[in-house]
Amino acid sequence: AELALALADNRPLPEITNVFSPTLVRRHSVSTPSLEASHHATSD
């Protein structure tokens, strides 16, 4: 969630964030499992 907020903050215009809302959500969805996989690998 913090990452998504940081990305949104990086966006210069809030309108762009609104338009790319689905893209950000998709990215977050893809990033979440990737990060979790890394955590699992490290935990293992």
PDB file of N, CA and C in Angstrom:
ATOM      1  N   ALA A   1       0.854  -1.209   0.000  1.00  0.00           N
ATOM      2  CA  ALA A   1       0.000   0.000   0.000  1.00  0.00           C
ATOM      3  C   ALA A   1       0.877   1.241   0.000  1.00  0.00           C
ATOM      4  N   GLU A   2       1.917   1.230   0.820  1.00  0.00           N
ATOM      5  CA  GLU A   2       2.813   2.386   0.872  1.00  0.00           C
ATOM      6  C   GLU A   2       3.453   2.620  -0.491  1.00  0.00           C
ATOM      7  N   LEU A   3       3.812   1.544  -1.161  1.00  0.00           N
ATOM      8  CA  LEU A   3       4.426   1.687  -2.488  1.00  0.00           C
ATOM      9  C   LEU A   3       3.462   2.371  -3.432  1.00  0.00           C
ATOM     10  N   ALA A   4       2.223   1.928  -3.425  1.00  0.00           N
ATOM     11  CA  ALA A   4       1.216   2.527  -4.317  1.00  0.00           C
ATOM     12  C   ALA A   4       1.076   4.012  -4.012  1.00  0.00           C
ATOM     13  N   LEU A   5       1.062   4.357  -2.721  1.00  0.00           N
ATOM     14  CA  LEU A   5       0.935   5.774  -2.344  1.00  0.00           C
ATOM     15  C   LEU A   5       2.149   6.538  -2.846  1.00  0.00           C
ATOM     16  N   ALA A   6       3.329   5.964  -2.709  1.00  0.00           N
ATOM     17  CA  ALA A   6       4.548   6.641  -3.165  1.00  0.00           C
ATOM     18  C   ALA A   6       4.475   6.865  -4.673  1.00  0.00           C
ATOM     19  N   LEU A   7       4.027   5.847  -5.401  1.00  0.00           N
ATOM     20  CA  LEU A   7       3.917   5.996  -6.861  1.00  0.00           C
ATOM     21  C   LEU A   7       2.927   7.099  -7.194  1.00  0.00           C
ATOM     22  N   ALA A   8       1.814   7.113  -6.480  1.00  0.00           N
ATOM     23  CA  ALA A   8       0.801   8.146  -6.730  1.00  0.00           C
ATOM     24  C   ALA A   8       1.386   9.521  -6.434  1.00  0.00           C
ATOM     25  N   ASP A   9       2.186   9.602  -5.370  1.00  0.00           N
ATOM     26  CA  ASP A   9       2.800  10.891  -5.019  1.00  0.00           C
ATOM     27  C   ASP A   9       3.785  11.305  -6.102  1.00  0.00           C
ATOM     28  N   ASN A  10       4.458  10.323  -6.703  1.00  0.00           N
ATOM     29  CA  ASN A  10       5.425  10.635  -7.761  1.00  0.00           C
ATOM     30  C   ASN A  10       4.726  11.221  -8.984  1.00  0.00           C
ATOM     31  N   ARG A  11       3.460  10.862  -9.156  1.00  0.00           N
ATOM     32  CA  ARG A  11       2.709  11.387 -10.311  1.00  0.00           C
ATOM     33  C   ARG A  11       2.569  12.904 -10.186  1.00  0.00           C
ATOM     34  N   PRO A  12       2.923  13.640 -11.236  1.00  0.00           N
ATOM     35  CA  PRO A  12       2.841  15.107 -11.195  1.00  0.00           C
ATOM     36  C   PRO A  12       1.407  15.613 -11.117  1.00  0.00           C
ATOM     37  N   LEU A  13       0.497  14.979 -11.874  1.00  0.00           N
ATOM     38  CA  LEU A  13      -0.897  15.446 -11.885  1.00  0.00           C
ATOM     39  C   LEU A  13      -1.816  14.367 -11.335  1.00  0.00           C
ATOM     40  N   PRO A  14      -2.701  14.743 -10.414  1.00  0.00           N
ATOM     41  CA  PRO A  14      -3.638  13.766  -9.840  1.00  0.00           C
ATOM     42  C   PRO A  14      -4.549  13.177 -10.911  1.00  0.00           C
ATOM     43  N   GLU A  15      -4.836  13.986 -11.943  1.00  0.00           N
ATOM     44  CA  GLU A  15      -5.702  13.490 -13.025  1.00  0.00           C
ATOM     45  C   GLU A  15      -5.068  12.261 -13.677  1.00  0.00           C
ATOM     46  N   ILE A  16      -3.759  12.326 -13.892  1.00  0.00           N
ATOM     47  CA  ILE A  16      -3.062  11.190 -14.512  1.00  0.00           C
ATOM     48  C   ILE A  16      -3.214   9.962 -13.611  1.00  0.00           C
ATOM     49  N   THR A  17      -3.071  10.172 -12.307  1.00  0.00           N
ATOM     50  CA  THR A  17      -3.211   9.053 -11.371  1.00  0.00           C
ATOM     51  C   THR A  17      -4.602   8.445 -11.492  1.00  0.00           C
ATOM     52  N   ASN A  18      -5.607   9.324 -11.624  1.00  0.00           N
ATOM     53  CA  ASN A  18      -6.982   8.839 -11.748  1.00  0.00           C
ATOM     54  C   ASN A  18      -7.131   8.022 -13.024  1.00  0.00           C
ATOM     55  N   VAL A  19      -6.557   8.521 -14.109  1.00  0.00           N
ATOM     56  CA  VAL A  19      -6.663   7.818 -15.389  1.00  0.00           C
ATOM     57  C   VAL A  19      -5.901   6.495 -15.321  1.00  0.00           C
ATOM     58  N   PHE A  20      -4.755   6.519 -14.641  1.00  0.00           N
ATOM     59  CA  PHE A  20      -3.940   5.309 -14.548  1.00  0.00           C
ATOM     60  C   PHE A  20      -4.301   4.474 -13.318  1.00  0.00           C
ATOM     61  N   SER A  21      -5.426   4.828 -12.691  1.00  0.00           N
ATOM     62  CA  SER A  21      -5.840   4.105 -11.486  1.00  0.00           C
ATOM     63  C   SER A  21      -5.791   2.587 -11.712  1.00  0.00           C
ATOM     64  N   PRO A  22      -6.448   2.078 -12.763  1.00  0.00           N
ATOM     65  CA  PRO A  22      -6.425   0.630 -13.008  1.00  0.00           C
ATOM     66  C   PRO A  22      -5.010   0.120 -13.221  1.00  0.00           C
ATOM     67  N   THR A  23      -4.179   0.909 -13.897  1.00  0.00           N
ATOM     68  CA  THR A  23      -2.795   0.487 -14.147  1.00  0.00           C
ATOM     69  C   THR A  23      -2.055   0.355 -12.825  1.00  0.00           C
ATOM     70  N   LEU A  24      -2.212   1.344 -11.957  1.00  0.00           N
ATOM     71  CA  LEU A  24      -1.538   1.303 -10.654  1.00  0.00           C
ATOM     72  C   LEU A  24      -2.023   0.096  -9.864  1.00  0.00           C
ATOM     73  N   VAL A  25      -3.334  -0.144  -9.913  1.00  0.00           N
ATOM     74  CA  VAL A  25      -3.891  -1.281  -9.179  1.00  0.00           C
ATOM     75  C   VAL A  25      -3.308  -2.577  -9.734  1.00  0.00           C
ATOM     76  N   ARG A  26      -3.245  -2.679 -11.051  1.00  0.00           N
ATOM     77  CA  ARG A  26      -2.708  -3.899 -11.674  1.00  0.00           C
ATOM     78  C   ARG A  26      -1.245  -4.064 -11.281  1.00  0.00           C
ATOM     79  N   ARG A  27      -0.510  -2.958 -11.317  1.00  0.00           N
ATOM     80  CA  ARG A  27       0.905  -3.023 -10.955  1.00  0.00           C
ATOM     81  C   ARG A  27       1.043  -3.492  -9.510  1.00  0.00           C
ATOM     82  N   HIS A  28       0.206  -2.929  -8.638  1.00  0.00           N
ATOM     83  CA  HIS A  28       0.260  -3.303  -7.225  1.00  0.00           C
ATOM     84  C   HIS A  28      -0.052  -4.795  -7.075  1.00  0.00           C
ATOM     85  N   SER A  29      -1.037  -5.263  -7.843  1.00  0.00           N
ATOM     86  CA  SER A  29      -1.428  -6.670  -7.763  1.00  0.00           C
ATOM     87  C   SER A  29      -0.267  -7.554  -8.209  1.00  0.00           C
ATOM     88  N   VAL A  30       0.454  -7.101  -9.233  1.00  0.00           N
ATOM     89  CA  VAL A  30       1.583  -7.885  -9.747  1.00  0.00           C
ATOM     90  C   VAL A  30       2.768  -7.788  -8.794  1.00  0.00           C
ATOM     91  N   SER A  31       2.951  -6.604  -8.195  1.00  0.00           N
ATOM     92  CA  SER A  31       4.086  -6.395  -7.289  1.00  0.00           C
ATOM     93  C   SER A  31       3.889  -7.156  -5.982  1.00  0.00           C
ATOM     94  N   THR A  32       2.661  -7.199  -5.507  1.00  0.00           N
ATOM     95  CA  THR A  32       2.398  -7.855  -4.226  1.00  0.00           C
ATOM     96  C   THR A  32       2.873  -9.315  -4.234  1.00  0.00           C
ATOM     97  N   PRO A  33       2.442 -10.142  -5.184  1.00  0.00           N
ATOM     98  CA  PRO A  33       2.886 -11.545  -5.200  1.00  0.00           C
ATOM     99  C   PRO A  33       4.389 -11.646  -5.404  1.00  0.00           C
ATOM    100  N   SER A  34       4.959 -10.765  -6.202  1.00  0.00           N
ATOM    101  CA  SER A  34       6.403 -10.803  -6.456  1.00  0.00           C
ATOM    102  C   SER A  34       7.156 -10.579  -5.150  1.00  0.00           C
ATOM    103  N   LEU A  35       6.740  -9.559  -4.406  1.00  0.00           N
ATOM    104  CA  LEU A  35       7.398  -9.262  -3.131  1.00  0.00           C
ATOM    105  C   LEU A  35       7.179 -10.416  -2.161  1.00  0.00           C
ATOM    106  N   GLU A  36       5.967 -10.953  -2.144  1.00  0.00           N
ATOM    107  CA  GLU A  36       5.670 -12.068  -1.240  1.00  0.00           C
ATOM    108  C   GLU A  36       6.540 -13.265  -1.605  1.00  0.00           C
ATOM    109  N   ALA A  37       6.727 -13.512  -2.885  1.00  0.00           N
ATOM    110  CA  ALA A  37       7.544 -14.635  -3.338  1.00  0.00           C
ATOM    111  C   ALA A  37       8.966 -14.450  -2.811  1.00  0.00           C
ATOM    112  N   SER A  38       9.471 -13.217  -2.887  1.00  0.00           N
ATOM    113  CA  SER A  38      10.820 -12.937  -2.393  1.00  0.00           C
ATOM    114  C   SER A  38      10.887 -13.217  -0.896  1.00  0.00           C
ATOM    115  N   HIS A  39       9.855 -12.782  -0.177  1.00  0.00           N
ATOM    116  CA  HIS A  39       9.818 -13.003   1.267  1.00  0.00           C
ATOM    117  C   HIS A  39       9.796 -14.501   1.561  1.00  0.00           C
ATOM    118  N   HIS A  40       8.998 -15.232   0.799  1.00  0.00           N
ATOM    119  CA  HIS A  40       8.911 -16.680   1.005  1.00  0.00           C
ATOM    120  C   HIS A  40      10.265 -17.324   0.736  1.00  0.00           C
ATOM    121  N   ALA A  41      10.917 -16.893  -0.337  1.00  0.00           N
ATOM    122  CA  ALA A  41      12.224 -17.449  -0.694  1.00  0.00           C
ATOM    123  C   ALA A  41      13.218 -17.161   0.428  1.00  0.00           C
ATOM    124  N   THR A  42      13.197 -15.943   0.948  1.00  0.00           N
ATOM    125  CA  THR A  42      14.116 -15.580   2.038  1.00  0.00           C
ATOM    126  C   THR A  42      13.768 -16.378   3.293  1.00  0.00           C
ATOM    127  N   SER A  43      12.476 -16.502   3.567  1.00  0.00           N
ATOM    128  CA  SER A  43      12.038 -17.242   4.751  1.00  0.00           C
ATOM    129  C   SER A  43      12.487 -18.697   4.627  1.00  0.00           C
ATOM    130  N   ASP A  44      12.383 -19.237   3.442  1.00  0.00           N
ATOM    131  CA  ASP A  44      12.815 -20.607   3.197  1.00  0.00           C
ATOM    132  C   ASP A  44      14.325 -20.643   3.309  1.00  0.00           C
TER     133      ASP A  44
END
